[in-house]
Amino acid sequence: YCDLASLGCISRYSAGSVYHYPSYHQQHTPAQVERFQKDLKRYLTRKIGFEAVMRIRCTKGLSIHTFHGNFFVRSTDLLSLPNVNPDAGFAVQMSIEENLDDMQVVSFQAALLYTSSKGERRIRVHTLCLPVVSSLSDIFAGADVQAITGLLACMAVDRSVTASLSDARDAMTNAVIDSLSSYRHSVLTIQQPGLLAPACLRLFPLYILALLKQRAFRTGTSTRLDDRVFAMYQLKYQPLAYSVLMIHPALYRVDDLTDEGALNINERT
C-alpha cells in the first residue's frame, strides 16, 4: 500500500483523477459502497476524449503564468491530455507584461483537439473578450468571487506543497484583507466604519473562511494524511462548479416549502 501523496502523481501527469473511499467495507460502510457505485457508473457512462492537446492563447502584452489541473505541459501554452472528460477542470493564471493603455479589449482563447470515443478527430474552441479598464472600481465591479476563490484554492494547494500549510492559510487570509483594504482606501469616497465590500465580493470572506475549514487546509482538528491529500487533489482538478459546492454547500430554505411538485409515495407526500 502507498499513500495518496505517492500515488497522486500518476493522475497528475496523465490527466486522470483520484478516488478515495476510507474504511471501505461492503457491509459495514453502506454510504461508501453507494458512493463507489455512483462514481463507477459516472466514470463508465460520461463522455470522454482521447489523445487531446489544449492550447491557450492570449492577447499580446499578456502571458500565461501558471496552469492548474491534471495534465502534462509540452510548452509554455500547450497541454497534453491523454484523456479529457466533463469532470476535469483547469485554471490559468495570467500576468500583464506590457502596458495595455492603447487597447480597449483583450482576448483569450482555449483550443482543444481530441479524438472522440467514435474515433473522430475534433476541435473545440472557446474565445473570451474582456474590456480593458483604468478604474479600480470597474475592476471590483467585474470580479467573479467564485472564480477568485477557486483559483486561490489551487494556489493554496501549491503553497502547501512547496512551503507549508500555515503559509497557505496566511496567503488566503491576506488575499481577503488586501482586496477589501484596497477597495476601502482606493474606491470608497466616504469612509465608513465596519467591513465594506463591493456587491460581487460580499461572499469572499465567507468562501475563504470555508476554505480554511476544509480538510485540505484545516488545523487544530485531527485529519488523516490521505483525507487531506484527497481534498487537495479535488480542489486542483475539479470543475469550478464542483469545487464551490465542496467549499460551501448550497443552502435551501425549508420553512416555506409547499406540496407543489411533490412526489406521492405510498399515498404520502
C-alpha atoms as a PDB file:
ATOM      1  CA  TYR A   1       0.000   0.000   0.000  1.00  0.00           C
ATOM      2  CA  CYS A   2       1.163   3.524  -0.826  1.00  0.00           C
ATOM      3  CA  ASP A   3      -0.459   6.689   0.456  1.00  0.00           C
ATOM      4  CA  LEU A   4      -2.306   9.074  -1.860  1.00  0.00           C
ATOM      5  CA  ALA A   5       0.561  11.544  -1.780  1.00  0.00           C
ATOM      6  CA  SER A   6       2.711   8.920  -3.536  1.00  0.00           C
ATOM      7  CA  LEU A   7       0.052   7.665  -5.957  1.00  0.00           C
ATOM      8  CA  GLY A   8      -1.355  11.053  -6.927  1.00  0.00           C
ATOM      9  CA  CYS A   9       1.408  11.904  -9.399  1.00  0.00           C
ATOM     10  CA  ILE A  10       0.115   9.141 -11.692  1.00  0.00           C
ATOM     11  CA  SER A  11      -3.138  11.008 -12.300  1.00  0.00           C
ATOM     12  CA  ARG A  12      -1.365  14.366 -12.132  1.00  0.00           C
ATOM     13  CA  TYR A  13       0.501  13.851 -15.407  1.00  0.00           C
ATOM     14  CA  SER A  14      -1.973  11.531 -17.161  1.00  0.00           C
ATOM     15  CA  ALA A  15      -4.997  13.868 -16.889  1.00  0.00           C
ATOM     16  CA  GLY A  16      -6.667  11.340 -14.605  1.00  0.00           C
ATOM     17  CA  SER A  17      -8.359  11.605 -11.230  1.00  0.00           C
ATOM     18  CA  VAL A  18      -8.102  10.095  -7.760  1.00  0.00           C
ATOM     19  CA  TYR A  19     -10.907   8.354  -5.868  1.00  0.00           C
ATOM     20  CA  HIS A  20     -10.719   7.710  -2.148  1.00  0.00           C
ATOM     21  CA  TYR A  21     -13.022   5.504  -0.060  1.00  0.00           C
ATOM     22  CA  PRO A  22     -11.682   5.394   3.510  1.00  0.00           C
ATOM     23  CA  SER A  23     -12.510   2.332   5.635  1.00  0.00           C
ATOM     24  CA  TYR A  24     -14.394   0.762   2.735  1.00  0.00           C
ATOM     25  CA  HIS A  25     -16.361  -2.372   3.632  1.00  0.00           C
ATOM     26  CA  GLN A  26     -19.176  -3.975   1.666  1.00  0.00           C
ATOM     27  CA  GLN A  27     -21.396  -4.431   4.732  1.00  0.00           C
ATOM     28  CA  HIS A  28     -20.157  -2.039   7.401  1.00  0.00           C
ATOM     29  CA  THR A  29     -19.941   1.152   5.301  1.00  0.00           C
ATOM     30  CA  PRO A  30     -23.049   1.320   3.081  1.00  0.00           C
ATOM     31  CA  ALA A  31     -22.514   5.031   2.410  1.00  0.00           C
ATOM     32  CA  GLN A  32     -19.080   4.351   0.917  1.00  0.00           C
ATOM     33  CA  VAL A  33     -20.481   1.461  -1.124  1.00  0.00           C
ATOM     34  CA  GLU A  34     -23.198   3.697  -2.570  1.00  0.00           C
ATOM     35  CA  ARG A  35     -20.676   6.440  -3.383  1.00  0.00           C
ATOM     36  CA  PHE A  36     -18.403   3.917  -5.091  1.00  0.00           C
ATOM     37  CA  GLN A  37     -21.297   2.647  -7.218  1.00  0.00           C
ATOM     38  CA  LYS A  38     -22.259   6.167  -8.272  1.00  0.00           C
ATOM     39  CA  ASP A  39     -18.663   7.120  -9.067  1.00  0.00           C
ATOM     40  CA  LEU A  40     -18.117   3.967 -11.111  1.00  0.00           C
ATOM     41  CA  LYS A  41     -21.362   4.476 -13.053  1.00  0.00           C
ATOM     42  CA  ARG A  42     -20.440   8.084 -13.778  1.00  0.00           C
ATOM     43  CA  TYR A  43     -16.932   7.067 -14.854  1.00  0.00           C
ATOM     44  CA  LEU A  44     -18.235   4.448 -17.312  1.00  0.00           C
ATOM     45  CA  THR A  45     -21.090   6.498 -18.804  1.00  0.00           C
ATOM     46  CA  ARG A  46     -19.660  10.025 -19.105  1.00  0.00           C
ATOM     47  CA  LYS A  47     -18.344  11.371 -22.404  1.00  0.00           C
ATOM     48  CA  ILE A  48     -14.620  11.075 -22.975  1.00  0.00           C
ATOM     49  CA  GLY A  49     -11.983  12.183 -25.460  1.00  0.00           C
ATOM     50  CA  PHE A  50      -8.558  10.696 -26.137  1.00  0.00           C
ATOM     51  CA  GLU A  51      -5.139  11.901 -27.299  1.00  0.00           C
ATOM     52  CA  ALA A  52      -6.048  15.506 -26.590  1.00  0.00           C
ATOM     53  CA  VAL A  53      -3.927  18.636 -26.653  1.00  0.00           C
ATOM     54  CA  MET A  54      -5.081  22.030 -25.428  1.00  0.00           C
ATOM     55  CA  ARG A  55      -3.508  25.326 -26.411  1.00  0.00           C
ATOM     56  CA  ILE A  56      -4.313  28.563 -24.602  1.00  0.00           C
ATOM     57  CA  ARG A  57      -3.616  31.886 -26.300  1.00  0.00           C
ATOM     58  CA  CYS A  58      -3.948  35.456 -25.091  1.00  0.00           C
ATOM     59  CA  THR A  59      -3.515  38.989 -26.430  1.00  0.00           C
ATOM     60  CA  LYS A  60      -0.012  40.373 -26.866  1.00  0.00           C
ATOM     61  CA  GLY A  61       1.018  42.083 -23.656  1.00  0.00           C
ATOM     62  CA  LEU A  62      -0.343  39.254 -21.514  1.00  0.00           C
ATOM     63  CA  SER A  63       1.367  35.978 -20.726  1.00  0.00           C
ATOM     64  CA  ILE A  64       0.448  32.696 -19.087  1.00  0.00           C
ATOM     65  CA  HIS A  65       1.944  32.448 -15.625  1.00  0.00           C
ATOM     66  CA  THR A  66       0.757  29.108 -14.199  1.00  0.00           C
ATOM     67  CA  PHE A  67      -1.546  26.227 -15.133  1.00  0.00           C
ATOM     68  CA  HIS A  68      -3.608  24.324 -12.560  1.00  0.00           C
ATOM     69  CA  GLY A  69      -5.137  20.897 -13.112  1.00  0.00           C
ATOM     70  CA  ASN A  70      -4.049  17.427 -14.233  1.00  0.00           C
ATOM     71  CA  PHE A  71      -2.019  17.457 -17.463  1.00  0.00           C
ATOM     72  CA  PHE A  72       1.480  17.301 -18.928  1.00  0.00           C
ATOM     73  CA  VAL A  73       2.982  20.603 -20.090  1.00  0.00           C
ATOM     74  CA  ARG A  74       4.518  20.330 -23.564  1.00  0.00           C
ATOM     75  CA  SER A  75       5.379  24.004 -23.984  1.00  0.00           C
ATOM     76  CA  THR A  76       4.532  27.379 -22.480  1.00  0.00           C
ATOM     77  CA  ASP A  77       0.976  27.337 -23.869  1.00  0.00           C
ATOM     78  CA  LEU A  78       0.371  23.683 -24.852  1.00  0.00           C
ATOM     79  CA  LEU A  79      -1.021  20.995 -22.550  1.00  0.00           C
ATOM     80  CA  SER A  80      -1.018  17.280 -23.321  1.00  0.00           C
ATOM     81  CA  LEU A  81      -4.109  15.405 -22.109  1.00  0.00           C
ATOM     82  CA  PRO A  82      -4.147  11.611 -22.628  1.00  0.00           C
ATOM     83  CA  ASN A  83      -7.878  11.809 -21.916  1.00  0.00           C
ATOM     84  CA  VAL A  84     -10.368  14.615 -21.369  1.00  0.00           C
ATOM     85  CA  ASN A  85     -13.809  14.431 -19.745  1.00  0.00           C
ATOM     86  CA  PRO A  86     -16.532  16.748 -18.374  1.00  0.00           C
ATOM     87  CA  ASP A  87     -15.401  16.184 -14.775  1.00  0.00           C
ATOM     88  CA  ALA A  88     -11.982  17.788 -15.297  1.00  0.00           C
ATOM     89  CA  GLY A  89     -11.319  21.451 -14.625  1.00  0.00           C
ATOM     90  CA  PHE A  90      -8.404  23.736 -15.438  1.00  0.00           C
ATOM     91  CA  ALA A  91      -7.329  27.111 -14.098  1.00  0.00           C
ATOM     92  CA  VAL A  92      -4.836  29.540 -15.605  1.00  0.00           C
ATOM     93  CA  GLN A  93      -3.034  32.478 -14.019  1.00  0.00           C
ATOM     94  CA  MET A  94      -2.250  35.364 -16.362  1.00  0.00           C
ATOM     95  CA  SER A  95       0.271  38.145 -15.882  1.00  0.00           C
ATOM     96  CA  ILE A  96       0.467  41.581 -17.519  1.00  0.00           C
ATOM     97  CA  GLU A  97       3.813  42.003 -19.297  1.00  0.00           C
ATOM     98  CA  GLU A  98       3.246  45.239 -21.232  1.00  0.00           C
ATOM     99  CA  ASN A  99       1.209  48.423 -20.985  1.00  0.00           C
ATOM    100  CA  LEU A 100      -2.398  47.918 -22.152  1.00  0.00           C
ATOM    101  CA  ASP A 101      -3.450  51.588 -22.245  1.00  0.00           C
ATOM    102  CA  ASP A 102      -3.825  51.568 -26.035  1.00  0.00           C
ATOM    103  CA  MET A 103      -6.159  48.560 -26.013  1.00  0.00           C
ATOM    104  CA  GLN A 104      -9.893  48.520 -25.454  1.00  0.00           C
ATOM    105  CA  VAL A 105     -10.281  44.742 -25.133  1.00  0.00           C
ATOM    106  CA  VAL A 106      -8.073  41.722 -24.540  1.00  0.00           C
ATOM    107  CA  SER A 107      -8.830  38.235 -25.827  1.00  0.00           C
ATOM    108  CA  PHE A 108      -8.305  34.731 -24.508  1.00  0.00           C
ATOM    109  CA  GLN A 109      -8.729  31.522 -26.475  1.00  0.00           C
ATOM    110  CA  ALA A 110      -8.624  27.858 -25.489  1.00  0.00           C
ATOM    111  CA  ALA A 111      -8.466  25.316 -28.331  1.00  0.00           C
ATOM    112  CA  LEU A 112      -8.896  21.613 -27.558  1.00  0.00           C
ATOM    113  CA  LEU A 113      -8.011  18.981 -30.165  1.00  0.00           C
ATOM    114  CA  TYR A 114      -9.118  15.454 -29.257  1.00  0.00           C
ATOM    115  CA  THR A 115     -10.326  12.099 -30.575  1.00  0.00           C
ATOM    116  CA  SER A 116     -13.914  11.191 -29.714  1.00  0.00           C
ATOM    117  CA  SER A 117     -14.994   7.762 -28.483  1.00  0.00           C
ATOM    118  CA  LYS A 118     -16.138   7.066 -32.075  1.00  0.00           C
ATOM    119  CA  GLY A 119     -12.657   7.704 -33.451  1.00  0.00           C
ATOM    120  CA  GLU A 120     -13.417  11.149 -34.906  1.00  0.00           C
ATOM    121  CA  ARG A 121     -10.782  13.842 -34.614  1.00  0.00           C
ATOM    122  CA  ARG A 122     -12.488  17.016 -33.348  1.00  0.00           C
ATOM    123  CA  ILE A 123     -11.554  20.502 -32.236  1.00  0.00           C
ATOM    124  CA  ARG A 124     -13.393  22.708 -29.754  1.00  0.00           C
ATOM    125  CA  VAL A 125     -12.567  26.401 -29.399  1.00  0.00           C
ATOM    126  CA  HIS A 126     -13.639  28.856 -26.697  1.00  0.00           C
ATOM    127  CA  THR A 127     -12.889  32.568 -27.103  1.00  0.00           C
ATOM    128  CA  LEU A 128     -13.418  35.280 -24.497  1.00  0.00           C
ATOM    129  CA  CYS A 129     -13.018  39.048 -24.877  1.00  0.00           C
ATOM    130  CA  LEU A 130     -12.806  41.313 -21.840  1.00  0.00           C
ATOM    131  CA  PRO A 131     -12.687  45.125 -21.723  1.00  0.00           C
ATOM    132  CA  VAL A 132      -9.583  46.950 -20.542  1.00  0.00           C
ATOM    133  CA  VAL A 133     -10.403  49.497 -17.823  1.00  0.00           C
ATOM    134  CA  SER A 134      -8.308  52.021 -15.957  1.00  0.00           C
ATOM    135  CA  SER A 135     -10.596  52.475 -12.960  1.00  0.00           C
ATOM    136  CA  LEU A 136     -10.145  50.261  -9.924  1.00  0.00           C
ATOM    137  CA  SER A 137     -13.866  50.497  -9.199  1.00  0.00           C
ATOM    138  CA  ASP A 138     -14.625  48.876 -12.577  1.00  0.00           C
ATOM    139  CA  ILE A 139     -12.268  46.019 -11.737  1.00  0.00           C
ATOM    140  CA  PHE A 140     -14.021  45.396  -8.435  1.00  0.00           C
ATOM    141  CA  ALA A 141     -17.436  45.623 -10.124  1.00  0.00           C
ATOM    142  CA  GLY A 142     -16.492  42.866 -12.581  1.00  0.00           C
ATOM    143  CA  ALA A 143     -14.889  40.483 -10.093  1.00  0.00           C
ATOM    144  CA  ASP A 144     -16.108  36.865 -10.070  1.00  0.00           C
ATOM    145  CA  VAL A 145     -15.939  35.750  -6.449  1.00  0.00           C
ATOM    146  CA  GLN A 146     -16.306  32.040  -7.227  1.00  0.00           C
ATOM    147  CA  ALA A 147     -13.557  32.075  -9.853  1.00  0.00           C
ATOM    148  CA  ILE A 148     -11.284  34.003  -7.477  1.00  0.00           C
ATOM    149  CA  THR A 149     -11.947  31.525  -4.674  1.00  0.00           C
ATOM    150  CA  GLY A 150     -11.318  28.535  -6.937  1.00  0.00           C
ATOM    151  CA  LEU A 151      -8.028  29.968  -8.182  1.00  0.00           C
ATOM    152  CA  LEU A 152      -6.900  30.839  -4.650  1.00  0.00           C
ATOM    153  CA  ALA A 153      -7.683  27.260  -3.596  1.00  0.00           C
ATOM    154  CA  CYS A 154      -5.431  25.912  -6.372  1.00  0.00           C
ATOM    155  CA  MET A 155      -2.673  28.348  -5.421  1.00  0.00           C
ATOM    156  CA  ALA A 156      -3.033  27.409  -1.749  1.00  0.00           C
ATOM    157  CA  VAL A 157      -2.606  23.722  -2.578  1.00  0.00           C
ATOM    158  CA  ASP A 158       0.649  24.511  -4.389  1.00  0.00           C
ATOM    159  CA  ARG A 159       1.793  26.702  -1.488  1.00  0.00           C
ATOM    160  CA  SER A 160       1.071  23.882   0.970  1.00  0.00           C
ATOM    161  CA  VAL A 161       3.324  21.541  -1.025  1.00  0.00           C
ATOM    162  CA  THR A 162       6.190  23.941  -1.739  1.00  0.00           C
ATOM    163  CA  ALA A 163       6.140  25.825   1.579  1.00  0.00           C
ATOM    164  CA  SER A 164       3.851  24.887   4.462  1.00  0.00           C
ATOM    165  CA  LEU A 165       0.194  24.638   5.386  1.00  0.00           C
ATOM    166  CA  SER A 166       0.403  27.711   7.619  1.00  0.00           C
ATOM    167  CA  ASP A 167       1.836  29.762   4.732  1.00  0.00           C
ATOM    168  CA  ALA A 168      -1.073  28.694   2.517  1.00  0.00           C
ATOM    169  CA  ARG A 169      -3.617  29.672   5.171  1.00  0.00           C
ATOM    170  CA  ASP A 170      -1.931  33.040   5.701  1.00  0.00           C
ATOM    171  CA  ALA A 171      -1.869  33.699   1.947  1.00  0.00           C
ATOM    172  CA  MET A 172      -5.623  33.123   1.623  1.00  0.00           C
ATOM    173  CA  THR A 173      -6.363  35.344   4.612  1.00  0.00           C
ATOM    174  CA  ASN A 174      -4.095  38.088   3.275  1.00  0.00           C
ATOM    175  CA  ALA A 175      -5.846  37.922  -0.115  1.00  0.00           C
ATOM    176  CA  VAL A 176      -9.127  38.901   1.539  1.00  0.00           C
ATOM    177  CA  ILE A 177      -7.528  41.588   3.704  1.00  0.00           C
ATOM    178  CA  ASP A 178      -5.603  43.141   0.807  1.00  0.00           C
ATOM    179  CA  SER A 179      -8.556  43.200  -1.598  1.00  0.00           C
ATOM    180  CA  LEU A 180     -11.028  44.700   0.874  1.00  0.00           C
ATOM    181  CA  SER A 181      -8.448  47.187   2.174  1.00  0.00           C
ATOM    182  CA  SER A 182      -7.722  48.306  -1.377  1.00  0.00           C
ATOM    183  CA  TYR A 183     -11.436  48.731  -2.026  1.00  0.00           C
ATOM    184  CA  ARG A 184     -11.889  50.743   1.162  1.00  0.00           C
ATOM    185  CA  HIS A 185      -8.983  53.134   0.596  1.00  0.00           C
ATOM    186  CA  SER A 186      -8.971  53.445  -3.207  1.00  0.00           C
ATOM    187  CA  VAL A 187     -12.608  53.198  -4.283  1.00  0.00           C
ATOM    188  CA  LEU A 188     -14.829  54.460  -1.485  1.00  0.00           C
ATOM    189  CA  THR A 189     -15.138  58.233  -1.353  1.00  0.00           C
ATOM    190  CA  ILE A 190     -16.743  58.312   2.097  1.00  0.00           C
ATOM    191  CA  GLN A 191     -15.040  56.293   4.799  1.00  0.00           C
ATOM    192  CA  GLN A 192     -17.478  54.398   6.994  1.00  0.00           C
ATOM    193  CA  PRO A 193     -16.887  52.080   9.945  1.00  0.00           C
ATOM    194  CA  GLY A 194     -17.316  48.332   9.608  1.00  0.00           C
ATOM    195  CA  LEU A 195     -16.466  45.780   6.925  1.00  0.00           C
ATOM    196  CA  LEU A 196     -17.200  47.232   3.492  1.00  0.00           C
ATOM    197  CA  ALA A 197     -17.069  45.194   0.297  1.00  0.00           C
ATOM    198  CA  PRO A 198     -18.377  45.558  -3.263  1.00  0.00           C
ATOM    199  CA  ALA A 199     -21.562  43.664  -4.033  1.00  0.00           C
ATOM    200  CA  CYS A 200     -19.784  40.978  -6.062  1.00  0.00           C
ATOM    201  CA  LEU A 201     -17.250  40.289  -3.281  1.00  0.00           C
ATOM    202  CA  ARG A 202     -19.552  40.198  -0.275  1.00  0.00           C
ATOM    203  CA  LEU A 203     -19.230  36.422  -0.082  1.00  0.00           C
ATOM    204  CA  PHE A 204     -15.436  36.494  -0.469  1.00  0.00           C
ATOM    205  CA  PRO A 205     -14.662  36.375   3.291  1.00  0.00           C
ATOM    206  CA  LEU A 206     -17.247  33.606   3.726  1.00  0.00           C
ATOM    207  CA  TYR A 207     -15.717  31.449   0.978  1.00  0.00           C
ATOM    208  CA  ILE A 208     -12.186  31.893   2.331  1.00  0.00           C
ATOM    209  CA  LEU A 209     -13.337  31.080   5.864  1.00  0.00           C
ATOM    210  CA  ALA A 210     -14.980  27.940   4.483  1.00  0.00           C
ATOM    211  CA  LEU A 211     -11.727  27.062   2.682  1.00  0.00           C
ATOM    212  CA  LEU A 212      -9.771  27.428   5.914  1.00  0.00           C
ATOM    213  CA  LYS A 213     -12.121  24.878   7.495  1.00  0.00           C
ATOM    214  CA  GLN A 214     -11.808  22.464   4.583  1.00  0.00           C
ATOM    215  CA  ARG A 215      -9.990  19.189   5.199  1.00  0.00           C
ATOM    216  CA  ALA A 216      -7.290  20.333   2.800  1.00  0.00           C
ATOM    217  CA  PHE A 217      -6.307  23.336   4.938  1.00  0.00           C
ATOM    218  CA  ARG A 218      -7.834  22.974   8.394  1.00  0.00           C
ATOM    219  CA  THR A 219      -5.711  22.879  11.541  1.00  0.00           C
ATOM    220  CA  GLY A 220      -6.477  22.094  15.156  1.00  0.00           C
ATOM    221  CA  THR A 221      -8.516  19.043  14.133  1.00  0.00           C
ATOM    222  CA  SER A 222      -7.092  15.589  13.636  1.00  0.00           C
ATOM    223  CA  THR A 223      -7.044  14.979   9.873  1.00  0.00           C
ATOM    224  CA  ARG A 224      -5.603  11.870   8.267  1.00  0.00           C
ATOM    225  CA  LEU A 225      -2.982  12.479   5.613  1.00  0.00           C
ATOM    226  CA  ASP A 226      -4.927  10.611   2.919  1.00  0.00           C
ATOM    227  CA  ASP A 227      -8.058  12.663   3.631  1.00  0.00           C
ATOM    228  CA  ARG A 228      -6.125  15.931   3.408  1.00  0.00           C
ATOM    229  CA  VAL A 229      -4.310  14.957   0.213  1.00  0.00           C
ATOM    230  CA  PHE A 230      -7.533  13.737  -1.421  1.00  0.00           C
ATOM    231  CA  ALA A 231      -9.233  17.060  -0.653  1.00  0.00           C
ATOM    232  CA  MET A 232      -6.269  18.895  -2.199  1.00  0.00           C
ATOM    233  CA  TYR A 233      -6.473  16.792  -5.358  1.00  0.00           C
ATOM    234  CA  GLN A 234     -10.189  17.526  -5.631  1.00  0.00           C
ATOM    235  CA  LEU A 235      -9.617  21.275  -5.405  1.00  0.00           C
ATOM    236  CA  LYS A 236      -6.924  21.072  -8.085  1.00  0.00           C
ATOM    237  CA  TYR A 237      -8.691  19.095 -10.817  1.00  0.00           C
ATOM    238  CA  GLN A 238     -12.437  19.518 -10.262  1.00  0.00           C
ATOM    239  CA  PRO A 239     -14.530  21.931 -12.348  1.00  0.00           C
ATOM    240  CA  LEU A 240     -15.259  25.194 -10.578  1.00  0.00           C
ATOM    241  CA  ALA A 241     -18.940  24.356 -10.012  1.00  0.00           C
ATOM    242  CA  TYR A 242     -17.979  21.196  -8.096  1.00  0.00           C
ATOM    243  CA  SER A 243     -15.260  22.950  -6.105  1.00  0.00           C
ATOM    244  CA  VAL A 244     -17.617  25.716  -4.977  1.00  0.00           C
ATOM    245  CA  LEU A 245     -20.132  23.159  -3.684  1.00  0.00           C
ATOM    246  CA  MET A 246     -17.297  21.366  -1.923  1.00  0.00           C
ATOM    247  CA  ILE A 247     -16.127  24.608  -0.289  1.00  0.00           C
ATOM    248  CA  HIS A 248     -19.562  25.956   0.638  1.00  0.00           C
ATOM    249  CA  PRO A 249     -22.593  23.695   0.046  1.00  0.00           C
ATOM    250  CA  ALA A 250     -25.750  25.218  -1.377  1.00  0.00           C
ATOM    251  CA  LEU A 251     -28.334  26.212   1.233  1.00  0.00           C
ATOM    252  CA  TYR A 252     -32.095  25.985   0.719  1.00  0.00           C
ATOM    253  CA  ARG A 253     -34.950  27.302   2.816  1.00  0.00           C
ATOM    254  CA  VAL A 254     -37.177  24.544   4.170  1.00  0.00           C
ATOM    255  CA  ASP A 255     -39.614  26.601   6.248  1.00  0.00           C
ATOM    256  CA  ASP A 256     -41.616  27.794   3.226  1.00  0.00           C
ATOM    257  CA  LEU A 257     -41.839  24.573   1.209  1.00  0.00           C
ATOM    258  CA  THR A 258     -45.183  23.703  -0.390  1.00  0.00           C
ATOM    259  CA  ASP A 259     -46.687  20.495  -1.752  1.00  0.00           C
ATOM    260  CA  GLU A 260     -46.475  21.784  -5.314  1.00  0.00           C
ATOM    261  CA  GLY A 261     -44.421  19.378  -7.405  1.00  0.00           C
ATOM    262  CA  ALA A 262     -44.031  16.930  -4.507  1.00  0.00           C
ATOM    263  CA  LEU A 263     -43.827  13.177  -5.085  1.00  0.00           C
ATOM    264  CA  ASN A 264     -46.549  10.928  -3.701  1.00  0.00           C
ATOM    265  CA  ILE A 265     -45.077   7.703  -2.342  1.00  0.00           C
ATOM    266  CA  ASN A 266     -47.437   5.210  -0.691  1.00  0.00           C
ATOM    267  CA  GLU A 267     -50.110   7.923  -0.566  1.00  0.00           C
ATOM    268  CA  ARG A 268     -47.775  10.128   1.441  1.00  0.00           C
ATOM    269  CA  THR A 269     -46.254  13.392   0.240  1.00  0.00           C
END
